[in-house]
Amino acid sequence: NKLLPHEQELIGGDVVTANGIASDEVATRILWLVSNHLVKVSVDDTGWRTLYVDPDDGRYWELHYPNGEIHGGGPPALTRRSSIEEFGSSTIG
């Protein structure tokens, strides 16, 4: 479940099940990574973008919600960032 060296971006989605709409495998993996592996570094002023670092290799990852027009922001995405500066202005902590 950890991030692989060649990965640059994970984009979650939704799937239709007999019980309604559920997160796909990628969205489920993203949520596992931010809850169990990645370390939170910073959150932007809106609270919709969060920067994490992978403790295994020091790479930065931004959790964001590319479909902001959907209630709750839609499925999550995790995008590789080259530095804290690339994340932009934010609150550390």
PDB file of N, CA and C in Angstrom:
ATOM      1  N   ASN A   1       0.796  -1.216   0.000  1.00  0.00           N
ATOM      2  CA  ASN A   1       0.000   0.000   0.000  1.00  0.00           C
ATOM      3  C   ASN A   1       0.834   1.275   0.000  1.00  0.00           C
ATOM      4  N   LYS A   2       2.108   1.184   0.366  1.00  0.00           N
ATOM      5  CA  LYS A   2       2.954   2.380   0.389  1.00  0.00           C
ATOM      6  C   LYS A   2       3.173   2.894  -1.030  1.00  0.00           C
ATOM      7  N   LEU A   3       3.629   4.145  -1.114  1.00  0.00           N
ATOM      8  CA  LEU A   3       3.879   4.767  -2.412  1.00  0.00           C
ATOM      9  C   LEU A   3       5.124   4.174  -3.053  1.00  0.00           C
ATOM     10  N   LEU A   4       5.038   3.918  -4.335  1.00  0.00           N
ATOM     11  CA  LEU A   4       6.149   3.342  -5.080  1.00  0.00           C
ATOM     12  C   LEU A   4       7.014   4.455  -5.662  1.00  0.00           C
ATOM     13  N   PRO A   5       8.313   4.195  -5.869  1.00  0.00           N
ATOM     14  CA  PRO A   5       9.229   5.244  -6.351  1.00  0.00           C
ATOM     15  C   PRO A   5       8.792   5.921  -7.650  1.00  0.00           C
ATOM     16  N   HIS A   6       8.126   5.189  -8.548  1.00  0.00           N
ATOM     17  CA  HIS A   6       7.750   5.770  -9.843  1.00  0.00           C
ATOM     18  C   HIS A   6       6.423   6.537  -9.800  1.00  0.00           C
ATOM     19  N   GLU A   7       5.677   6.433  -8.716  1.00  0.00           N
ATOM     20  CA  GLU A   7       4.369   7.090  -8.654  1.00  0.00           C
ATOM     21  C   GLU A   7       4.516   8.600  -8.496  1.00  0.00           C
ATOM     22  N   GLN A   8       3.683   9.341  -9.214  1.00  0.00           N
ATOM     23  CA  GLN A   8       3.680  10.802  -9.170  1.00  0.00           C
ATOM     24  C   GLN A   8       2.326  11.369  -8.758  1.00  0.00           C
ATOM     25  N   GLU A   9       1.259  10.611  -9.058  1.00  0.00           N
ATOM     26  CA  GLU A   9      -0.078  11.106  -8.740  1.00  0.00           C
ATOM     27  C   GLU A   9      -1.044   9.933  -8.625  1.00  0.00           C
ATOM     28  N   LEU A  10      -1.898  10.012  -7.616  1.00  0.00           N
ATOM     29  CA  LEU A  10      -2.986   9.056  -7.434  1.00  0.00           C
ATOM     30  C   LEU A  10      -4.277   9.860  -7.446  1.00  0.00           C
ATOM     31  N   ILE A  11      -5.222   9.449  -8.277  1.00  0.00           N
ATOM     32  CA  ILE A  11      -6.497  10.163  -8.357  1.00  0.00           C
ATOM     33  C   ILE A  11      -7.610   9.176  -8.036  1.00  0.00           C
ATOM     34  N   GLY A  12      -8.290   9.437  -6.929  1.00  0.00           N
ATOM     35  CA  GLY A  12      -9.375   8.568  -6.510  1.00  0.00           C
ATOM     36  C   GLY A  12     -10.627   8.806  -7.323  1.00  0.00           C
ATOM     37  N   GLY A  13     -11.526   7.859  -7.213  1.00  0.00           N
ATOM     38  CA  GLY A  13     -12.794   7.957  -7.918  1.00  0.00           C
ATOM     39  C   GLY A  13     -13.891   7.300  -7.112  1.00  0.00           C
ATOM     40  N   ASP A  14     -15.058   7.269  -7.700  1.00  0.00           N
ATOM     41  CA  ASP A  14     -16.208   6.624  -7.084  1.00  0.00           C
ATOM     42  C   ASP A  14     -16.642   5.457  -7.956  1.00  0.00           C
ATOM     43  N   VAL A  15     -17.242   4.463  -7.335  1.00  0.00           N
ATOM     44  CA  VAL A  15     -17.819   3.338  -8.059  1.00  0.00           C
ATOM     45  C   VAL A  15     -19.253   3.156  -7.571  1.00  0.00           C
ATOM     46  N   VAL A  16     -20.092   2.687  -8.479  1.00  0.00           N
ATOM     47  CA  VAL A  16     -21.481   2.420  -8.131  1.00  0.00           C
ATOM     48  C   VAL A  16     -21.575   0.972  -7.675  1.00  0.00           C
ATOM     49  N   THR A  17     -22.144   0.775  -6.496  1.00  0.00           N
ATOM     50  CA  THR A  17     -22.340  -0.569  -5.951  1.00  0.00           C
ATOM     51  C   THR A  17     -23.828  -0.806  -5.735  1.00  0.00           C
ATOM     52  N   ALA A  18     -24.157  -1.996  -5.303  1.00  0.00           N
ATOM     53  CA  ALA A  18     -25.551  -2.314  -5.011  1.00  0.00           C
ATOM     54  C   ALA A  18     -26.089  -1.446  -3.879  1.00  0.00           C
ATOM     55  N   ASN A  19     -25.189  -0.951  -3.037  1.00  0.00           N
ATOM     56  CA  ASN A  19     -25.586  -0.117  -1.891  1.00  0.00           C
ATOM     57  C   ASN A  19     -25.465   1.376  -2.160  1.00  0.00           C
ATOM     58  N   GLY A  20     -25.119   1.770  -3.381  1.00  0.00           N
ATOM     59  CA  GLY A  20     -24.959   3.185  -3.701  1.00  0.00           C
ATOM     60  C   GLY A  20     -23.571   3.476  -4.229  1.00  0.00           C
ATOM     61  N   ILE A  21     -23.070   4.665  -3.964  1.00  0.00           N
ATOM     62  CA  ILE A  21     -21.751   5.078  -4.442  1.00  0.00           C
ATOM     63  C   ILE A  21     -20.720   4.868  -3.340  1.00  0.00           C
ATOM     64  N   ALA A  22     -19.558   4.321  -3.725  1.00  0.00           N
ATOM     65  CA  ALA A  22     -18.488   4.061  -2.763  1.00  0.00           C
ATOM     66  C   ALA A  22     -17.166   4.527  -3.361  1.00  0.00           C
ATOM     67  N   SER A  23     -16.159   4.664  -2.515  1.00  0.00           N
ATOM     68  CA  SER A  23     -14.818   5.035  -2.982  1.00  0.00           C
ATOM     69  C   SER A  23     -14.196   3.868  -3.746  1.00  0.00           C
ATOM     70  N   ASP A  24     -13.457   4.198  -4.811  1.00  0.00           N
ATOM     71  CA  ASP A  24     -12.757   3.140  -5.539  1.00  0.00           C
ATOM     72  C   ASP A  24     -11.480   2.750  -4.789  1.00  0.00           C
ATOM     73  N   GLU A  25     -10.730   1.788  -5.337  1.00  0.00           N
ATOM     74  CA  GLU A  25      -9.520   1.291  -4.677  1.00  0.00           C
ATOM     75  C   GLU A  25      -8.463   2.378  -4.498  1.00  0.00           C
ATOM     76  N   VAL A  26      -8.358   3.285  -5.476  1.00  0.00           N
ATOM     77  CA  VAL A  26      -7.352   4.349  -5.390  1.00  0.00           C
ATOM     78  C   VAL A  26      -7.709   5.321  -4.264  1.00  0.00           C
ATOM     79  N   ALA A  27      -8.972   5.729  -4.184  1.00  0.00           N
ATOM     80  CA  ALA A  27      -9.401   6.635  -3.112  1.00  0.00           C
ATOM     81  C   ALA A  27      -9.209   5.990  -1.745  1.00  0.00           C
ATOM     82  N   THR A  28      -9.519   4.721  -1.653  1.00  0.00           N
ATOM     83  CA  THR A  28      -9.330   3.992  -0.398  1.00  0.00           C
ATOM     84  C   THR A  28      -7.855   3.937  -0.025  1.00  0.00           C
ATOM     85  N   ARG A  29      -6.989   3.719  -1.016  1.00  0.00           N
ATOM     86  CA  ARG A  29      -5.538   3.696  -0.768  1.00  0.00           C
ATOM     87  C   ARG A  29      -5.044   5.061  -0.297  1.00  0.00           C
ATOM     88  N   ILE A  30      -5.502   6.140  -0.938  1.00  0.00           N
ATOM     89  CA  ILE A  30      -5.098   7.494  -0.539  1.00  0.00           C
ATOM     90  C   ILE A  30      -5.458   7.735   0.915  1.00  0.00           C
ATOM     91  N   LEU A  31      -6.676   7.410   1.289  1.00  0.00           N
ATOM     92  CA  LEU A  31      -7.111   7.633   2.667  1.00  0.00           C
ATOM     93  C   LEU A  31      -6.302   6.785   3.645  1.00  0.00           C
ATOM     94  N   TRP A  32      -5.937   5.567   3.250  1.00  0.00           N
ATOM     95  CA  TRP A  32      -5.079   4.737   4.104  1.00  0.00           C
ATOM     96  C   TRP A  32      -3.704   5.393   4.272  1.00  0.00           C
ATOM     97  N   LEU A  33      -3.130   5.878   3.165  1.00  0.00           N
ATOM     98  CA  LEU A  33      -1.802   6.497   3.216  1.00  0.00           C
ATOM     99  C   LEU A  33      -1.777   7.702   4.153  1.00  0.00           C
ATOM    100  N   VAL A  34      -2.766   8.593   4.039  1.00  0.00           N
ATOM    101  CA  VAL A  34      -2.741   9.801   4.875  1.00  0.00           C
ATOM    102  C   VAL A  34      -3.099   9.495   6.324  1.00  0.00           C
ATOM    103  N   SER A  35      -3.780   8.412   6.572  1.00  0.00           N
ATOM    104  CA  SER A  35      -4.150   8.047   7.945  1.00  0.00           C
ATOM    105  C   SER A  35      -3.111   7.184   8.650  1.00  0.00           C
ATOM    106  N   ASN A  36      -2.326   6.416   7.868  1.00  0.00           N
ATOM    107  CA  ASN A  36      -1.461   5.406   8.468  1.00  0.00           C
ATOM    108  C   ASN A  36       0.019   5.489   8.126  1.00  0.00           C
ATOM    109  N   HIS A  37       0.374   6.246   7.105  1.00  0.00           N
ATOM    110  CA  HIS A  37       1.774   6.225   6.691  1.00  0.00           C
ATOM    111  C   HIS A  37       2.398   7.612   6.534  1.00  0.00           C
ATOM    112  N   LEU A  38       1.769   8.473   5.762  1.00  0.00           N
ATOM    113  CA  LEU A  38       2.336   9.791   5.502  1.00  0.00           C
ATOM    114  C   LEU A  38       2.252  10.672   6.745  1.00  0.00           C
ATOM    115  N   VAL A  39       3.176  11.626   6.852  1.00  0.00           N
ATOM    116  CA  VAL A  39       3.234  12.526   8.002  1.00  0.00           C
ATOM    117  C   VAL A  39       2.804  13.922   7.548  1.00  0.00           C
ATOM    118  N   LYS A  40       1.805  14.491   8.237  1.00  0.00           N
ATOM    119  CA  LYS A  40       1.286  15.820   7.883  1.00  0.00           C
ATOM    120  C   LYS A  40       2.341  16.877   8.164  1.00  0.00           C
ATOM    121  N   VAL A  41       2.550  17.757   7.170  1.00  0.00           N
ATOM    122  CA  VAL A  41       3.524  18.836   7.274  1.00  0.00           C
ATOM    123  C   VAL A  41       2.838  20.190   7.350  1.00  0.00           C
ATOM    124  N   SER A  42       1.788  20.391   6.545  1.00  0.00           N
ATOM    125  CA  SER A  42       1.203  21.711   6.410  1.00  0.00           C
ATOM    126  C   SER A  42      -0.211  21.615   5.850  1.00  0.00           C
ATOM    127  N   VAL A  43      -1.033  22.618   6.198  1.00  0.00           N
ATOM    128  CA  VAL A  43      -2.390  22.721   5.665  1.00  0.00           C
ATOM    129  C   VAL A  43      -2.566  24.127   5.120  1.00  0.00           C
ATOM    130  N   ASP A  44      -3.194  24.250   3.943  1.00  0.00           N
ATOM    131  CA  ASP A  44      -3.403  25.601   3.406  1.00  0.00           C
ATOM    132  C   ASP A  44      -4.505  26.313   4.177  1.00  0.00           C
ATOM    133  N   ASP A  45      -4.681  27.589   3.890  1.00  0.00           N
ATOM    134  CA  ASP A  45      -5.627  28.412   4.634  1.00  0.00           C
ATOM    135  C   ASP A  45      -7.081  27.970   4.469  1.00  0.00           C
ATOM    136  N   THR A  46      -7.398  27.302   3.361  1.00  0.00           N
ATOM    137  CA  THR A  46      -8.774  26.854   3.125  1.00  0.00           C
ATOM    138  C   THR A  46      -9.080  25.537   3.826  1.00  0.00           C
ATOM    139  N   GLY A  47      -8.037  24.775   4.139  1.00  0.00           N
ATOM    140  CA  GLY A  47      -8.230  23.472   4.744  1.00  0.00           C
ATOM    141  C   GLY A  47      -8.500  22.361   3.745  1.00  0.00           C
ATOM    142  N   TRP A  48      -8.510  22.695   2.453  1.00  0.00           N
ATOM    143  CA  TRP A  48      -8.795  21.708   1.405  1.00  0.00           C
ATOM    144  C   TRP A  48      -7.537  21.088   0.811  1.00  0.00           C
ATOM    145  N   ARG A  49      -6.370  21.642   1.128  1.00  0.00           N
ATOM    146  CA  ARG A  49      -5.097  21.105   0.623  1.00  0.00           C
ATOM    147  C   ARG A  49      -4.185  20.853   1.816  1.00  0.00           C
ATOM    148  N   THR A  50      -3.611  19.653   1.863  1.00  0.00           N
ATOM    149  CA  THR A  50      -2.722  19.282   2.951  1.00  0.00           C
ATOM    150  C   THR A  50      -1.454  18.690   2.379  1.00  0.00           C
ATOM    151  N   LEU A  51      -0.318  19.121   2.904  1.00  0.00           N
ATOM    152  CA  LEU A  51       0.975  18.605   2.467  1.00  0.00           C
ATOM    153  C   LEU A  51       1.450  17.545   3.449  1.00  0.00           C
ATOM    154  N   TYR A  52       1.912  16.426   2.902  1.00  0.00           N
ATOM    155  CA  TYR A  52       2.442  15.317   3.690  1.00  0.00           C
ATOM    156  C   TYR A  52       3.850  14.993   3.212  1.00  0.00           C
ATOM    157  N   VAL A  53       4.607  14.308   4.054  1.00  0.00           N
ATOM    158  CA  VAL A  53       5.910  13.798   3.663  1.00  0.00           C
ATOM    159  C   VAL A  53       5.897  12.285   3.878  1.00  0.00           C
ATOM    160  N   ASP A  54       6.526  11.571   2.962  1.00  0.00           N
ATOM    161  CA  ASP A  54       6.664  10.129   3.084  1.00  0.00           C
ATOM    162  C   ASP A  54       7.889   9.857   3.951  1.00  0.00           C
ATOM    163  N   PRO A  55       7.730   9.266   5.133  1.00  0.00           N
ATOM    164  CA  PRO A  55       8.870   9.058   6.023  1.00  0.00           C
ATOM    165  C   PRO A  55       9.895   8.074   5.468  1.00  0.00           C
ATOM    166  N   ASP A  56       9.505   7.288   4.469  1.00  0.00           N
ATOM    167  CA  ASP A  56      10.432   6.310   3.895  1.00  0.00           C
ATOM    168  C   ASP A  56      11.463   6.944   2.973  1.00  0.00           C
ATOM    169  N   ASP A  57      11.055   7.983   2.211  1.00  0.00           N
ATOM    170  CA  ASP A  57      11.976   8.543   1.220  1.00  0.00           C
ATOM    171  C   ASP A  57      12.033  10.069   1.208  1.00  0.00           C
ATOM    172  N   GLY A  58      11.243  10.742   2.055  1.00  0.00           N
ATOM    173  CA  GLY A  58      11.297  12.195   2.146  1.00  0.00           C
ATOM    174  C   GLY A  58      10.555  12.934   1.053  1.00  0.00           C
ATOM    175  N   ARG A  59       9.842  12.223   0.178  1.00  0.00           N
ATOM    176  CA  ARG A  59       9.080  12.900  -0.876  1.00  0.00           C
ATOM    177  C   ARG A  59       7.843  13.568  -0.292  1.00  0.00           C
ATOM    178  N   TYR A  60       7.494  14.733  -0.861  1.00  0.00           N
ATOM    179  CA  TYR A  60       6.310  15.477  -0.444  1.00  0.00           C
ATOM    180  C   TYR A  60       5.124  15.101  -1.317  1.00  0.00           C
ATOM    181  N   TRP A  61       3.945  15.049  -0.672  1.00  0.00           N
ATOM    182  CA  TRP A  61       2.707  14.701  -1.356  1.00  0.00           C
ATOM    183  C   TRP A  61       1.604  15.647  -0.913  1.00  0.00           C
ATOM    184  N   GLU A  62       0.850  16.160  -1.871  1.00  0.00           N
ATOM    185  CA  GLU A  62      -0.268  17.050  -1.564  1.00  0.00           C
ATOM    186  C   GLU A  62      -1.588  16.299  -1.705  1.00  0.00           C
ATOM    187  N   LEU A  63      -2.356  16.283  -0.633  1.00  0.00           N
ATOM    188  CA  LEU A  63      -3.714  15.754  -0.674  1.00  0.00           C
ATOM    189  C   LEU A  63      -4.632  16.906  -1.059  1.00  0.00           C
ATOM    190  N   HIS A  64      -5.419  16.708  -2.095  1.00  0.00           N
ATOM    191  CA  HIS A  64      -6.360  17.743  -2.531  1.00  0.00           C
ATOM    192  C   HIS A  64      -7.586  17.073  -3.138  1.00  0.00           C
ATOM    193  N   TYR A  65      -8.565  17.879  -3.460  1.00  0.00           N
ATOM    194  CA  TYR A  65      -9.841  17.391  -3.978  1.00  0.00           C
ATOM    195  C   TYR A  65     -10.128  18.116  -5.285  1.00  0.00           C
ATOM    196  N   PRO A  66      -9.747  17.512  -6.428  1.00  0.00           N
ATOM    197  CA  PRO A  66      -9.833  18.206  -7.713  1.00  0.00           C
ATOM    198  C   PRO A  66     -11.254  18.504  -8.186  1.00  0.00           C
ATOM    199  N   ASN A  67     -12.246  17.845  -7.622  1.00  0.00           N
ATOM    200  CA  ASN A  67     -13.641  18.094  -8.022  1.00  0.00           C
ATOM    201  C   ASN A  67     -14.363  18.871  -6.943  1.00  0.00           C
ATOM    202  N   GLY A  68     -13.840  20.049  -6.628  1.00  0.00           N
ATOM    203  CA  GLY A  68     -14.366  20.865  -5.542  1.00  0.00           C
ATOM    204  C   GLY A  68     -15.835  21.227  -5.668  1.00  0.00           C
ATOM    205  N   GLU A  69     -16.367  21.151  -6.894  1.00  0.00           N
ATOM    206  CA  GLU A  69     -17.778  21.498  -7.081  1.00  0.00           C
ATOM    207  C   GLU A  69     -18.710  20.407  -6.548  1.00  0.00           C
ATOM    208  N   ILE A  70     -18.171  19.210  -6.307  1.00  0.00           N
ATOM    209  CA  ILE A  70     -18.963  18.106  -5.758  1.00  0.00           C
ATOM    210  C   ILE A  70     -19.047  18.272  -4.244  1.00  0.00           C
ATOM    211  N   HIS A  71     -20.187  17.953  -3.665  1.00  0.00           N
ATOM    212  CA  HIS A  71     -20.366  18.047  -2.215  1.00  0.00           C
ATOM    213  C   HIS A  71     -19.248  17.284  -1.509  1.00  0.00           C
ATOM    214  N   GLY A  72     -18.590  17.936  -0.564  1.00  0.00           N
ATOM    215  CA  GLY A  72     -17.498  17.301   0.172  1.00  0.00           C
ATOM    216  C   GLY A  72     -16.190  17.254  -0.597  1.00  0.00           C
ATOM    217  N   GLY A  73     -16.148  17.891  -1.766  1.00  0.00           N
ATOM    218  CA  GLY A  73     -14.921  17.939  -2.542  1.00  0.00           C
ATOM    219  C   GLY A  73     -14.716  16.779  -3.487  1.00  0.00           C
ATOM    220  N   GLY A  74     -15.572  15.770  -3.419  1.00  0.00           N
ATOM    221  CA  GLY A  74     -15.426  14.607  -4.284  1.00  0.00           C
ATOM    222  C   GLY A  74     -14.285  13.718  -3.823  1.00  0.00           C
ATOM    223  N   PRO A  75     -13.879  12.773  -4.680  1.00  0.00           N
ATOM    224  CA  PRO A  75     -12.812  11.852  -4.319  1.00  0.00           C
ATOM    225  C   PRO A  75     -11.471  12.578  -4.149  1.00  0.00           C
ATOM    226  N   PRO A  76     -10.607  12.039  -3.289  1.00  0.00           N
ATOM    227  CA  PRO A  76      -9.308  12.663  -3.050  1.00  0.00           C
ATOM    228  C   PRO A  76      -8.307  12.376  -4.152  1.00  0.00           C
ATOM    229  N   ALA A  77      -7.286  13.225  -4.224  1.00  0.00           N
ATOM    230  CA  ALA A  77      -6.135  13.000  -5.104  1.00  0.00           C
ATOM    231  C   ALA A  77      -4.875  13.258  -4.279  1.00  0.00           C
ATOM    232  N   LEU A  78      -3.821  12.565  -4.619  1.00  0.00           N
ATOM    233  CA  LEU A  78      -2.535  12.726  -3.950  1.00  0.00           C
ATOM    234  C   LEU A  78      -1.506  12.972  -5.044  1.00  0.00           C
ATOM    235  N   THR A  79      -0.870  14.150  -5.003  1.00  0.00           N
ATOM    236  CA  THR A  79       0.054  14.560  -6.053  1.00  0.00           C
ATOM    237  C   THR A  79       1.432  14.824  -5.473  1.00  0.00           C
ATOM    238  N   ARG A  80       2.454  14.320  -6.135  1.00  0.00           N
ATOM    239  CA  ARG A  80       3.844  14.504  -5.716  1.00  0.00           C
ATOM    240  C   ARG A  80       4.240  15.961  -5.866  1.00  0.00           C
ATOM    241  N   ARG A  81       4.873  16.531  -4.852  1.00  0.00           N
ATOM    242  CA  ARG A  81       5.392  17.900  -4.881  1.00  0.00           C
ATOM    243  C   ARG A  81       6.892  17.836  -4.646  1.00  0.00           C
ATOM    244  N   SER A  82       7.638  18.699  -5.326  1.00  0.00           N
ATOM    245  CA  SER A  82       9.096  18.642  -5.234  1.00  0.00           C
ATOM    246  C   SER A  82       9.639  19.292  -3.967  1.00  0.00           C
ATOM    247  N   SER A  83       8.833  20.195  -3.362  1.00  0.00           N
ATOM    248  CA  SER A  83       9.320  20.894  -2.176  1.00  0.00           C
ATOM    249  C   SER A  83       8.153  21.487  -1.400  1.00  0.00           C
ATOM    250  N   ILE A  84       8.438  21.942  -0.194  1.00  0.00           N
ATOM    251  CA  ILE A  84       7.433  22.643   0.597  1.00  0.00           C
ATOM    252  C   ILE A  84       7.039  23.927  -0.118  1.00  0.00           C
ATOM    253  N   GLU A  85       8.006  24.599  -0.732  1.00  0.00           N
ATOM    254  CA  GLU A  85       7.738  25.866  -1.417  1.00  0.00           C
ATOM    255  C   GLU A  85       6.740  25.683  -2.554  1.00  0.00           C
ATOM    256  N   GLU A  86       6.787  24.557  -3.233  1.00  0.00           N
ATOM    257  CA  GLU A  86       5.857  24.311  -4.331  1.00  0.00           C
ATOM    258  C   GLU A  86       4.418  24.229  -3.823  1.00  0.00           C
ATOM    259  N   PHE A  87       4.249  23.858  -2.566  1.00  0.00           N
ATOM    260  CA  PHE A  87       2.914  23.754  -1.971  1.00  0.00           C
ATOM    261  C   PHE A  87       2.282  25.132  -1.819  1.00  0.00           C
ATOM    262  N   GLY A  88       3.104  26.154  -1.632  1.00  0.00           N
ATOM    263  CA  GLY A  88       2.592  27.510  -1.516  1.00  0.00           C
ATOM    264  C   GLY A  88       2.417  27.940  -0.073  1.00  0.00           C
ATOM    265  N   SER A  89       1.758  29.080   0.102  1.00  0.00           N
ATOM    266  CA  SER A  89       1.583  29.631   1.453  1.00  0.00           C
ATOM    267  C   SER A  89       0.653  28.743   2.258  1.00  0.00           C
ATOM    268  N   SER A  90       1.021  28.516   3.481  1.00  0.00           N
ATOM    269  CA  SER A  90       0.243  27.631   4.322  1.00  0.00           C
ATOM    270  C   SER A  90       0.669  27.778   5.773  1.00  0.00           C
ATOM    271  N   THR A  91      -0.023  27.064   6.613  1.00  0.00           N
ATOM    272  CA  THR A  91       0.291  27.048   8.032  1.00  0.00           C
ATOM    273  C   THR A  91       0.997  25.753   8.353  1.00  0.00           C
ATOM    274  N   ILE A  92       2.190  25.826   8.914  1.00  0.00           N
ATOM    275  CA  ILE A  92       2.928  24.625   9.273  1.00  0.00           C
ATOM    276  C   ILE A  92       2.346  24.067  10.569  1.00  0.00           C
ATOM    277  N   GLY A  93       2.230  22.753  10.601  1.00  0.00           N
ATOM    278  CA  GLY A  93       1.783  22.144  11.833  1.00  0.00           C
ATOM    279  C   GLY A  93       0.743  21.144  11.580  1.00  0.00           C
TER     280      GLY A  93
END
